[in-house]
Amino acid sequence: MSAPRSTGTTPPSAGAAASGGLVERRSIEAVPDAERHGRPFSQFTLWFGANLQITAVVTGALAVVLGADAFWSLIALLLGNLLGGAVMALHSAQGPRLGLPQMISSRAQFGVYGAIVPLVCVVVMYVGFFASGTVLAGQAVGHLTHLGDVTGIVVFALATALTAVVGYRVIHRLGRVASIVGALAFLYLGVRLLQRASLGDLLADHSFHLPAFLLAISLSASWQLAFGPYVADYSRYLPRDTSPRATFWCTLGGTVLGSQWSMAFGALAAAASAGAIAGDEVGYVVGLGGTGIIASVLYFVIALGKLTINVLNTYGGFMSVLTGVTGFRAQRTLSQRGRAGYVLAIMLAGTVVALLGRGNFLDSFSTFLLFLLIFFTPWSAINLVDYYVIAKERYDLPALSDPNGRYGGWRWRAIITYVLGILLQLPFISTEFYTGPLVDPLGGADISWIVGLVVPAALYALLARGDRAARVPEEMIWGGVERPEDALPPATAGDKAALAGGAAG
């Protein structure tokens, strides 16, 4: 990663107005310099808090439930978090430079229309993660209110949608609160767990099974890689001259520390319970903490942690759906009513899936998480190679909305690479409903995600050089992104005060 280049072309500037107060008014358009604020450390607190939550605990528990011992599970989960987190953090570093939601930049690789191909998979992912998070949080809300899981799921889904409609600033504030509350809760739960079981006993078994070890790596890597399609959505408001390295390391540090803490707790809890955590994940975790007021507090903490990540998924889903729709409608802005409509649609779809799939959550979630990998590793490979290697951080931002521009409507080099990247993984994938022919010769290990990163990256790097001269500008082109008719009303004194207050984030 190199530092952002200064260009002779004027970046988006104060001609567009600041967002008003807490409610975000921007959607997929570039964020002008006048509205940029914050520091890279905001990415640490956001991703640390987003990962200190019950679904990450379940992911860690899966490593043990599916056959690995606790000792090797901890190592494998850390490796997967580091590898997947590095890929995810490279996407995050694009945000301050471009000032755009993550999937908009995919138009530079796939074309203005062609970006719909990975977008469909991304939206399915967001709905699936919304559903899985709502199942667990719904259990917590149901216990806390004594209204049952179904009512808990519906109440939590509504809270998620409301927060996502408000937008970026509240999401970051929620992340800061969740990081503090989550850290305190997991410290307490860790102490309680070790009062029940000796750490030495839990880690005593060092027997190594390669397939189970690789499966645990895949679980945590897929967890991190799934953030890739939306991570830049939450770094795009940082000042344009923010160091890419600072953004990368703050994002990586937050996401790895938060997820590894949660997953390690889950793996140890699964080992201590001899698999009893499966089936009532929330109840088991809260039961470690105690009863009465303590249990109520822990249910609240679980719901708060899930609210953070569920809002990220809903917000990212809204951005992705809008990116797909506007690619065909040449639309750059969205009204508050339209924003609420998109968010509501995602909430309804996710809630229906949550209500239908809550009965066998653990098995369904593991299958879903692993299967997601085959769709997102090729996209990550293509996006990162194009941005850092081919374009060298230089894009024509107005052309991202013009199917007749330098990126065209459909860019077949990327689309073919993406499809091949998916197909080449099939022989190596191992899930409940499909096992590839090369899994058994590898001892049952699933290495599909490695194939899905390495092969598409190499293939795209080769193919993309064919049209590099026509597609990559000599310097970053900003002009025309903010048209006069797209400008928002001038910032009020209250807006400016809100921006100043948010700069600490």
Protein backbone atom coordinates (compact mmCIF):
# COMPACT_ATOMS: atom_id res chain seq x y z
CA MET A 1 0.00 0.00 0.00
CA SER A 2 1.28 3.43 -0.85
CA ALA A 3 0.32 6.74 0.61
CA PRO A 4 -2.47 8.59 -1.20
CA ARG A 5 -1.17 10.58 -4.14
CA SER A 6 -1.94 14.23 -4.56
CA THR A 7 -3.47 14.92 -7.95
CA GLY A 8 -4.04 17.88 -10.15
CA THR A 9 -7.69 16.95 -10.38
CA THR A 10 -9.89 18.50 -7.73
CA PRO A 11 -11.34 16.02 -5.22
CA PRO A 12 -14.93 16.20 -4.03
CA SER A 13 -15.05 19.22 -1.78
CA ALA A 14 -17.14 21.50 0.28
CA GLY A 15 -19.49 22.11 -2.59
CA ALA A 16 -21.51 19.25 -1.21
CA ALA A 17 -22.80 19.67 2.25
CA ALA A 18 -22.19 17.82 5.43
CA SER A 19 -24.45 15.19 6.75
CA GLY A 20 -26.94 16.56 9.22
CA GLY A 21 -26.61 15.62 12.87
CA LEU A 22 -26.88 11.96 13.70
CA VAL A 23 -28.92 10.94 10.66
CA GLU A 24 -26.71 10.12 7.68
CA ARG A 25 -27.85 11.61 4.38
CA ARG A 26 -25.25 10.16 2.05
CA SER A 27 -25.56 6.75 0.47
CA ILE A 28 -23.39 5.52 -2.42
CA GLU A 29 -22.02 8.85 -3.66
CA ALA A 30 -18.42 9.85 -2.88
CA VAL A 31 -17.92 11.56 0.48
CA PRO A 32 -16.54 15.11 -0.05
CA ASP A 33 -13.46 16.24 1.84
CA ALA A 34 -15.55 18.71 3.85
CA GLU A 35 -17.47 15.83 5.41
CA ARG A 36 -14.49 13.62 6.21
CA HIS A 37 -13.69 13.22 9.89
CA GLY A 38 -12.31 10.82 12.46
CA ARG A 39 -9.11 8.87 13.03
CA PRO A 40 -8.01 5.37 12.00
CA PHE A 41 -8.44 4.15 15.58
CA SER A 42 -12.20 4.36 15.04
CA GLN A 43 -11.76 1.27 12.86
CA PHE A 44 -10.16 -0.58 15.78
CA THR A 45 -13.01 0.12 18.18
CA LEU A 46 -15.68 -0.63 15.57
CA TRP A 47 -14.28 -4.02 14.55
CA PHE A 48 -13.18 -4.97 18.06
CA GLY A 49 -16.71 -4.36 19.34
CA ALA A 50 -18.34 -5.99 16.32
CA ASN A 51 -16.44 -9.22 16.94
CA LEU A 52 -16.94 -9.45 20.70
CA GLN A 53 -20.28 -11.19 20.29
CA ILE A 54 -22.10 -14.48 20.52
CA THR A 55 -21.88 -15.58 16.87
CA ALA A 56 -18.09 -15.40 17.02
CA VAL A 57 -18.29 -17.51 20.19
CA VAL A 58 -20.37 -20.05 18.27
CA THR A 59 -17.79 -20.06 15.45
CA GLY A 60 -15.03 -20.89 17.92
CA ALA A 61 -17.18 -23.58 19.52
CA LEU A 62 -17.75 -25.14 16.10
CA ALA A 63 -14.04 -25.87 15.77
CA VAL A 64 -14.28 -28.19 18.80
CA VAL A 65 -17.78 -29.51 18.11
CA LEU A 66 -16.67 -30.55 14.61
CA GLY A 67 -13.66 -32.54 15.78
CA ALA A 68 -10.64 -30.46 16.76
CA ASP A 69 -9.22 -30.40 20.30
CA ALA A 70 -9.09 -27.10 22.17
CA PHE A 71 -5.29 -26.65 21.95
CA TRP A 72 -5.02 -26.90 18.16
CA SER A 73 -8.35 -25.10 17.71
CA LEU A 74 -6.93 -21.96 19.33
CA ILE A 75 -3.91 -22.00 17.01
CA ALA A 76 -5.97 -22.72 13.90
CA LEU A 77 -8.53 -20.04 14.73
CA LEU A 78 -5.75 -17.48 15.20
CA LEU A 79 -4.16 -18.38 11.85
CA GLY A 80 -7.49 -18.07 10.08
CA ASN A 81 -8.25 -14.74 11.74
CA LEU A 82 -4.85 -13.36 10.77
CA LEU A 83 -5.02 -14.55 7.16
CA GLY A 84 -8.64 -13.57 6.57
CA GLY A 85 -8.25 -10.39 8.61
CA ALA A 86 -5.32 -9.23 6.47
CA VAL A 87 -7.43 -9.55 3.32
CA MET A 88 -10.33 -7.75 5.01
CA ALA A 89 -8.07 -4.93 6.25
CA LEU A 90 -6.66 -4.38 2.75
CA HIS A 91 -10.23 -3.65 1.64
CA SER A 92 -10.67 -1.27 4.58
CA ALA A 93 -7.64 0.77 3.50
CA GLN A 94 -9.45 1.63 0.25
CA GLY A 95 -12.17 3.57 2.09
CA PRO A 96 -10.38 6.84 2.92
CA ARG A 97 -8.75 7.00 -0.51
CA LEU A 98 -11.93 6.52 -2.56
CA GLY A 99 -14.61 7.80 -0.17
CA LEU A 100 -16.98 5.19 -1.61
CA PRO A 101 -18.85 2.13 -0.34
CA GLN A 102 -16.85 -1.03 -0.98
CA MET A 103 -18.97 -2.63 -3.69
CA ILE A 104 -19.14 0.53 -5.82
CA SER A 105 -15.42 0.08 -6.49
CA SER A 106 -16.21 -3.35 -7.95
CA ARG A 107 -17.55 -1.53 -11.01
CA ALA A 108 -13.95 -0.73 -11.91
CA GLN A 109 -13.26 -4.45 -12.21
CA PHE A 110 -16.60 -5.91 -13.35
CA GLY A 111 -18.16 -2.98 -15.19
CA VAL A 112 -21.05 -0.76 -14.15
CA TYR A 113 -23.57 -3.50 -14.94
CA GLY A 114 -21.27 -6.48 -14.40
CA ALA A 115 -20.80 -5.63 -10.72
CA ILE A 116 -24.29 -7.06 -10.18
CA VAL A 117 -22.77 -10.56 -10.47
CA PRO A 118 -20.87 -10.53 -7.14
CA LEU A 119 -23.46 -8.16 -5.66
CA VAL A 120 -26.19 -10.81 -5.79
CA CYS A 121 -24.01 -13.13 -3.70
CA VAL A 122 -23.15 -10.30 -1.31
CA VAL A 123 -26.80 -9.47 -0.66
CA VAL A 124 -27.57 -13.14 0.03
CA MET A 125 -24.69 -13.10 2.52
CA TYR A 126 -26.03 -10.04 4.31
CA VAL A 127 -29.51 -11.52 4.61
CA GLY A 128 -28.01 -14.77 5.90
CA PHE A 129 -25.87 -13.04 8.50
CA PHE A 130 -28.79 -10.85 9.52
CA ALA A 131 -30.84 -14.01 10.05
CA SER A 132 -28.15 -15.90 11.98
CA GLY A 133 -27.45 -12.92 14.22
CA THR A 134 -31.14 -12.34 14.83
CA VAL A 135 -31.66 -15.96 15.91
CA LEU A 136 -29.07 -15.66 18.67
CA ALA A 137 -29.99 -12.13 19.71
CA GLY A 138 -33.66 -13.07 19.62
CA GLN A 139 -32.94 -15.80 22.17
CA ALA A 140 -31.32 -13.19 24.42
CA VAL A 141 -34.14 -10.66 24.00
CA GLY A 142 -36.72 -13.40 24.53
CA HIS A 143 -35.08 -14.48 27.79
CA LEU A 144 -34.62 -10.88 28.92
CA THR A 145 -38.25 -9.88 28.29
CA HIS A 146 -39.81 -13.30 29.00
CA LEU A 147 -41.68 -13.00 25.69
CA GLY A 148 -40.11 -16.00 23.95
CA ASP A 149 -37.74 -16.42 21.02
CA VAL A 150 -40.16 -15.48 18.23
CA THR A 151 -41.08 -12.14 19.78
CA GLY A 152 -37.43 -11.58 20.68
CA ILE A 153 -36.41 -12.11 17.05
CA VAL A 154 -38.99 -9.60 15.77
CA VAL A 155 -38.13 -6.95 18.39
CA PHE A 156 -34.42 -7.28 17.71
CA ALA A 157 -34.93 -7.08 13.94
CA LEU A 158 -36.85 -3.82 14.33
CA ALA A 159 -34.11 -2.34 16.54
CA THR A 160 -31.51 -3.31 13.94
CA ALA A 161 -33.43 -1.68 11.09
CA LEU A 162 -33.96 1.56 13.02
CA THR A 163 -30.25 1.90 13.82
CA ALA A 164 -29.23 1.13 10.22
CA VAL A 165 -31.58 3.81 8.89
CA VAL A 166 -29.93 6.43 11.12
CA GLY A 167 -26.57 5.46 9.66
CA TYR A 168 -22.81 5.85 9.88
CA ARG A 169 -22.28 8.08 12.91
CA VAL A 170 -24.54 6.07 15.24
CA ILE A 171 -22.96 2.83 14.00
CA HIS A 172 -19.52 4.00 15.09
CA ARG A 173 -20.83 5.21 18.45
CA LEU A 174 -22.54 1.88 18.96
CA GLY A 175 -19.26 0.13 18.14
CA ARG A 176 -17.39 2.10 20.81
CA VAL A 177 -19.98 1.26 23.45
CA ALA A 178 -20.08 -2.41 22.42
CA SER A 179 -16.28 -2.69 22.57
CA ILE A 180 -16.19 -1.55 26.22
CA VAL A 181 -19.25 -3.49 27.37
CA GLY A 182 -18.22 -6.60 25.45
CA ALA A 183 -14.68 -6.59 26.83
CA LEU A 184 -15.93 -6.37 30.42
CA ALA A 185 -18.48 -9.13 29.85
CA PHE A 186 -16.00 -11.50 28.23
CA LEU A 187 -13.46 -10.90 30.98
CA TYR A 188 -16.09 -11.89 33.52
CA LEU A 189 -17.25 -14.92 31.52
CA GLY A 190 -13.66 -16.07 31.02
CA VAL A 191 -13.06 -16.02 34.77
CA ARG A 192 -16.29 -17.93 35.37
CA LEU A 193 -15.37 -20.54 32.78
CA LEU A 194 -11.97 -21.14 34.34
CA GLN A 195 -13.61 -21.52 37.74
CA ARG A 196 -15.52 -24.48 36.30
CA ALA A 197 -12.71 -26.09 34.33
CA SER A 198 -8.94 -26.03 34.59
CA LEU A 199 -7.23 -24.36 31.63
CA GLY A 200 -4.49 -26.98 31.83
CA ASP A 201 -7.04 -29.77 31.55
CA LEU A 202 -8.80 -28.11 28.62
CA LEU A 203 -5.52 -27.78 26.71
CA ALA A 204 -4.02 -31.10 27.77
CA ASP A 205 -4.95 -32.99 24.59
CA HIS A 206 -2.41 -32.10 21.87
CA SER A 207 -3.43 -34.73 19.33
CA PHE A 208 -3.24 -33.20 15.85
CA HIS A 209 -5.77 -33.96 13.10
CA LEU A 210 -5.01 -32.09 9.88
CA PRO A 211 -8.58 -32.02 8.46
CA ALA A 212 -10.02 -30.65 11.72
CA PHE A 213 -7.16 -28.14 11.96
CA LEU A 214 -7.76 -26.87 8.42
CA LEU A 215 -11.50 -26.76 9.06
CA ALA A 216 -10.93 -24.50 12.07
CA ILE A 217 -8.71 -22.22 9.95
CA SER A 218 -11.45 -22.11 7.31
CA LEU A 219 -14.09 -21.19 9.90
CA SER A 220 -12.21 -18.16 11.21
CA ALA A 221 -10.87 -17.13 7.79
CA SER A 222 -14.37 -17.20 6.34
CA TRP A 223 -15.57 -15.12 9.27
CA GLN A 224 -13.06 -12.39 8.37
CA LEU A 225 -13.37 -12.65 4.59
CA ALA A 226 -17.13 -12.17 4.83
CA PHE A 227 -16.49 -8.61 6.11
CA GLY A 228 -14.58 -7.75 2.92
CA PRO A 229 -17.54 -6.63 0.80
CA TYR A 230 -18.53 -3.91 3.27
CA VAL A 231 -15.54 -3.02 5.43
CA ALA A 232 -14.70 0.14 3.44
CA ASP A 233 -18.26 1.38 4.00
CA TYR A 234 -17.12 2.25 7.54
CA SER A 235 -13.74 3.80 6.68
CA ARG A 236 -14.88 5.97 3.77
CA TYR A 237 -15.60 9.01 5.99
CA LEU A 238 -12.00 9.18 7.23
CA PRO A 239 -9.99 12.12 5.80
CA ARG A 240 -8.61 11.42 2.33
CA ASP A 241 -5.01 11.85 3.52
CA THR A 242 -5.41 9.18 6.22
CA SER A 243 -2.49 6.77 6.11
CA PRO A 244 -3.52 3.51 4.38
CA ARG A 245 -1.14 1.66 6.69
CA ALA A 246 -2.79 3.14 9.78
CA THR A 247 -6.23 2.17 8.48
CA PHE A 248 -4.98 -1.33 7.68
CA TRP A 249 -3.36 -1.99 11.05
CA CYS A 250 -6.19 -0.49 13.12
CA THR A 251 -8.75 -2.56 11.23
CA LEU A 252 -6.64 -5.72 11.43
CA GLY A 253 -5.88 -5.24 15.12
CA GLY A 254 -9.50 -4.68 16.07
CA THR A 255 -10.97 -7.51 14.05
CA VAL A 256 -8.35 -10.11 14.99
CA LEU A 257 -8.27 -9.26 18.70
CA GLY A 258 -12.05 -9.15 19.03
CA SER A 259 -12.75 -12.29 17.01
CA GLN A 260 -9.92 -14.34 18.51
CA TRP A 261 -11.02 -13.45 22.03
CA SER A 262 -14.61 -14.51 21.29
CA MET A 263 -13.66 -17.63 19.35
CA ALA A 264 -11.11 -18.77 21.93
CA PHE A 265 -13.77 -18.43 24.61
CA GLY A 266 -16.16 -20.45 22.44
CA ALA A 267 -13.62 -23.20 21.81
CA LEU A 268 -12.78 -23.53 25.50
CA ALA A 269 -16.46 -23.43 26.47
CA ALA A 270 -17.24 -26.20 23.98
CA ALA A 271 -14.37 -28.31 25.34
CA ALA A 272 -15.50 -27.74 28.93
CA SER A 273 -19.12 -28.58 28.13
CA ALA A 274 -18.28 -31.66 26.05
CA GLY A 275 -20.46 -30.27 23.27
CA ALA A 276 -23.40 -29.27 25.48
CA ILE A 277 -23.20 -25.72 24.12
CA ALA A 278 -24.78 -26.92 20.86
CA GLY A 279 -28.51 -26.26 20.70
CA ASP A 280 -28.73 -23.51 23.33
CA GLU A 281 -25.67 -21.37 22.70
CA VAL A 282 -27.02 -18.25 24.39
CA GLY A 283 -28.42 -20.11 27.40
CA TYR A 284 -25.15 -21.96 27.98
CA VAL A 285 -23.00 -18.82 27.83
CA VAL A 286 -25.31 -16.88 30.16
CA GLY A 287 -25.47 -19.90 32.48
CA LEU A 288 -21.72 -19.62 32.97
CA GLY A 289 -22.20 -16.14 34.39
CA GLY A 290 -24.91 -16.84 36.91
CA THR A 291 -28.60 -16.20 37.45
CA GLY A 292 -30.90 -13.34 38.39
CA ILE A 293 -29.63 -9.83 37.72
CA ILE A 294 -26.30 -11.10 36.36
CA ALA A 295 -28.10 -13.28 33.82
CA SER A 296 -30.27 -10.33 32.75
CA VAL A 297 -27.19 -8.15 32.29
CA LEU A 298 -25.51 -10.84 30.19
CA TYR A 299 -28.59 -11.27 28.01
CA PHE A 300 -28.52 -7.50 27.43
CA VAL A 301 -24.80 -7.59 26.58
CA ILE A 302 -25.37 -10.41 24.08
CA ALA A 303 -28.18 -8.45 22.43
CA LEU A 304 -26.03 -5.29 22.32
CA GLY A 305 -23.10 -7.14 20.75
CA LYS A 306 -25.35 -8.67 18.13
CA LEU A 307 -26.99 -5.32 17.45
CA THR A 308 -23.62 -3.89 16.42
CA ILE A 309 -22.80 -6.58 13.88
CA ASN A 310 -26.38 -6.92 12.67
CA VAL A 311 -26.51 -3.20 11.95
CA LEU A 312 -23.27 -3.54 9.96
CA ASN A 313 -24.84 -6.35 7.94
CA THR A 314 -28.07 -4.43 7.34
CA TYR A 315 -26.26 -1.22 6.40
CA GLY A 316 -23.94 -3.14 4.08
CA GLY A 317 -26.89 -4.93 2.52
CA PHE A 318 -28.65 -1.62 1.89
CA MET A 319 -25.50 -0.24 0.22
CA SER A 320 -25.11 -3.35 -1.93
CA VAL A 321 -28.72 -3.45 -3.11
CA LEU A 322 -28.53 0.26 -3.92
CA THR A 323 -25.25 -0.25 -5.80
CA GLY A 324 -26.89 -2.90 -7.97
CA VAL A 325 -30.06 -0.90 -8.64
CA THR A 326 -28.30 2.39 -9.39
CA GLY A 327 -25.95 0.69 -11.83
CA PHE A 328 -28.93 0.22 -14.14
CA ARG A 329 -30.76 3.45 -13.26
CA ALA A 330 -27.84 5.92 -13.35
CA GLN A 331 -28.89 7.17 -9.90
CA ARG A 332 -26.38 8.64 -7.45
CA THR A 333 -28.40 9.77 -4.45
CA LEU A 334 -31.27 8.42 -2.37
CA SER A 335 -33.97 10.02 -0.23
CA GLN A 336 -34.42 9.15 3.43
CA ARG A 337 -37.67 7.42 2.54
CA GLY A 338 -35.93 5.33 -0.10
CA ARG A 339 -33.18 4.45 2.37
CA ALA A 340 -35.73 3.27 4.91
CA GLY A 341 -37.46 1.19 2.25
CA TYR A 342 -34.28 -0.67 1.29
CA VAL A 343 -33.40 -1.32 4.93
CA LEU A 344 -36.92 -2.55 5.67
CA ALA A 345 -36.77 -5.00 2.75
CA ILE A 346 -33.51 -6.50 4.04
CA MET A 347 -34.92 -6.69 7.56
CA LEU A 348 -38.05 -8.50 6.40
CA ALA A 349 -36.10 -11.03 4.34
CA GLY A 350 -33.64 -11.71 7.17
CA THR A 351 -36.40 -12.01 9.77
CA VAL A 352 -38.29 -14.58 7.70
CA VAL A 353 -35.11 -16.66 7.30
CA ALA A 354 -34.41 -16.36 11.04
CA LEU A 355 -37.88 -17.55 12.01
CA LEU A 356 -37.75 -20.48 9.59
CA GLY A 357 -34.20 -21.60 10.44
CA ARG A 358 -33.95 -21.09 14.19
CA GLY A 359 -34.53 -24.76 15.10
CA ASN A 360 -31.21 -26.19 13.90
CA PHE A 361 -29.05 -23.10 14.10
CA LEU A 362 -25.55 -24.47 14.75
CA ASP A 363 -25.45 -26.93 11.86
CA SER A 364 -27.11 -24.50 9.46
CA PHE A 365 -24.74 -21.68 10.40
CA SER A 366 -21.56 -23.74 9.92
CA THR A 367 -22.70 -24.89 6.48
CA PHE A 368 -23.68 -21.36 5.50
CA LEU A 369 -20.41 -19.84 6.72
CA LEU A 370 -18.19 -22.31 4.88
CA PHE A 371 -20.20 -22.19 1.66
CA LEU A 372 -19.96 -18.38 1.61
CA LEU A 373 -16.23 -18.63 1.09
CA ILE A 374 -16.44 -19.90 -2.48
CA PHE A 375 -18.23 -16.72 -3.58
CA PHE A 376 -16.15 -14.11 -1.77
CA THR A 377 -12.59 -15.29 -2.07
CA PRO A 378 -12.52 -14.77 -5.88
CA TRP A 379 -14.13 -11.35 -5.51
CA SER A 380 -11.57 -10.31 -2.87
CA ALA A 381 -8.71 -11.54 -5.03
CA ILE A 382 -9.93 -9.61 -8.09
CA ASN A 383 -10.69 -6.41 -6.18
CA LEU A 384 -7.38 -6.28 -4.31
CA VAL A 385 -5.19 -7.20 -7.30
CA ASP A 386 -6.91 -4.58 -9.42
CA TYR A 387 -6.70 -1.81 -6.83
CA TYR A 388 -3.18 -2.36 -5.53
CA VAL A 389 -1.38 -4.04 -8.47
CA ILE A 390 -3.09 -3.08 -11.73
CA ALA A 391 -4.61 0.37 -11.06
CA LYS A 392 -2.15 1.22 -8.28
CA GLU A 393 -4.87 3.09 -6.37
CA ARG A 394 -5.91 5.20 -9.38
CA TYR A 395 -9.56 5.12 -10.45
CA ASP A 396 -11.80 7.35 -12.55
CA LEU A 397 -14.65 7.94 -10.09
CA PRO A 398 -17.14 9.52 -12.53
CA ALA A 399 -16.69 6.51 -14.85
CA LEU A 400 -17.93 4.21 -12.07
CA SER A 401 -21.44 5.51 -12.84
CA ASP A 402 -21.10 5.61 -16.64
CA PRO A 403 -21.62 2.34 -18.57
CA ASN A 404 -20.18 4.10 -21.63
CA GLY A 405 -17.06 5.19 -19.75
CA ARG A 406 -13.66 3.57 -19.40
CA TYR A 407 -14.99 0.68 -17.27
CA GLY A 408 -17.90 -0.13 -19.59
CA GLY A 409 -21.09 -1.96 -18.76
CA TRP A 410 -19.77 -5.51 -18.58
CA ARG A 411 -16.09 -6.31 -18.12
CA TRP A 412 -15.72 -9.94 -19.08
CA ARG A 413 -12.13 -10.39 -17.94
CA ALA A 414 -13.23 -10.00 -14.32
CA ILE A 415 -16.54 -11.84 -14.71
CA ILE A 416 -14.88 -14.88 -16.32
CA THR A 417 -12.15 -14.89 -13.66
CA TYR A 418 -14.79 -14.70 -10.93
CA VAL A 419 -16.85 -17.59 -12.32
CA LEU A 420 -13.73 -19.71 -12.86
CA GLY A 421 -12.63 -18.89 -9.32
CA ILE A 422 -15.89 -20.33 -8.00
CA LEU A 423 -15.78 -23.43 -10.21
CA LEU A 424 -12.14 -24.21 -9.40
CA GLN A 425 -12.99 -24.38 -5.70
CA LEU A 426 -15.69 -27.03 -6.08
CA PRO A 427 -13.33 -30.05 -6.15
CA PHE A 428 -11.82 -28.91 -2.83
CA ILE A 429 -14.91 -27.91 -0.86
CA SER A 430 -16.32 -29.98 2.00
CA THR A 431 -19.80 -29.19 3.33
CA GLU A 432 -22.75 -31.21 4.57
CA PHE A 433 -24.56 -31.07 1.25
CA TYR A 434 -21.55 -31.32 -1.11
CA THR A 435 -18.04 -32.76 -0.90
CA GLY A 436 -15.61 -32.31 -3.77
CA PRO A 437 -13.70 -35.24 -5.31
CA LEU A 438 -10.30 -33.97 -4.10
CA VAL A 439 -11.30 -33.71 -0.43
CA ASP A 440 -10.71 -37.39 0.41
CA PRO A 441 -7.23 -37.53 -1.20
CA LEU A 442 -6.34 -34.55 1.02
CA GLY A 443 -7.42 -36.42 4.14
CA GLY A 444 -10.78 -34.66 4.33
CA ALA A 445 -9.27 -31.16 4.49
CA ASP A 446 -11.10 -28.24 2.87
CA ILE A 447 -8.61 -25.95 1.12
CA SER A 448 -11.11 -24.39 -1.28
CA TRP A 449 -10.69 -20.89 0.12
CA ILE A 450 -6.94 -20.96 -0.55
CA VAL A 451 -7.58 -21.99 -4.15
CA GLY A 452 -10.24 -19.27 -4.38
CA LEU A 453 -7.77 -16.58 -3.36
CA VAL A 454 -4.57 -17.62 -5.12
CA VAL A 455 -5.80 -18.81 -8.54
CA PRO A 456 -8.16 -15.90 -9.35
CA ALA A 457 -5.52 -13.41 -8.15
CA ALA A 458 -2.91 -14.85 -10.53
CA LEU A 459 -5.36 -15.23 -13.43
CA TYR A 460 -6.79 -11.74 -13.09
CA ALA A 461 -3.34 -10.17 -12.81
CA LEU A 462 -2.52 -11.78 -16.16
CA LEU A 463 -5.79 -10.95 -17.95
CA ALA A 464 -6.16 -7.40 -16.62
CA ARG A 465 -2.92 -6.24 -18.20
CA GLY A 466 -4.58 -6.57 -21.61
CA ASP A 467 -6.71 -3.43 -21.20
CA ARG A 468 -4.73 -1.66 -18.50
CA ALA A 469 -3.73 1.31 -20.67
CA ALA A 470 -7.32 2.12 -21.60
CA ARG A 471 -8.80 1.45 -18.17
CA VAL A 472 -6.33 2.96 -15.69
CA PRO A 473 -5.97 6.76 -15.59
CA GLU A 474 -2.58 8.39 -15.09
CA GLU A 475 -3.82 9.91 -11.85
CA MET A 476 -6.91 9.70 -9.67
CA ILE A 477 -9.87 11.40 -11.34
CA TRP A 478 -12.35 13.02 -8.96
CA GLY A 479 -14.07 15.58 -11.18
CA GLY A 480 -17.78 15.25 -11.85
CA VAL A 481 -18.49 12.97 -8.90
CA GLU A 482 -20.38 15.75 -7.14
CA ARG A 483 -22.60 17.44 -9.70
CA PRO A 484 -24.35 20.68 -8.67
CA GLU A 485 -27.76 19.00 -8.87
CA ASP A 486 -26.53 16.26 -6.51
CA ALA A 487 -25.40 18.63 -3.77
CA LEU A 488 -27.08 18.46 -0.40
CA PRO A 489 -28.28 21.62 1.40
CA PRO A 490 -25.52 23.69 3.05
CA ALA A 491 -24.39 22.58 6.48
CA THR A 492 -26.00 24.33 9.41
CA ALA A 493 -24.18 25.38 12.58
CA GLY A 494 -25.65 22.30 14.28
CA ASP A 495 -24.32 20.08 11.50
CA LYS A 496 -20.83 21.53 11.89
CA ALA A 497 -20.96 21.01 15.65
CA ALA A 498 -22.02 17.40 15.10
CA LEU A 499 -19.11 16.86 12.73
CA ALA A 500 -16.70 18.36 15.23
CA GLY A 501 -18.07 16.09 17.93
CA GLY A 502 -17.69 13.05 15.66
CA ALA A 503 -14.07 13.82 14.85
CA ALA A 504 -13.00 11.99 17.98
CA GLY A 505 -14.43 8.81 16.49
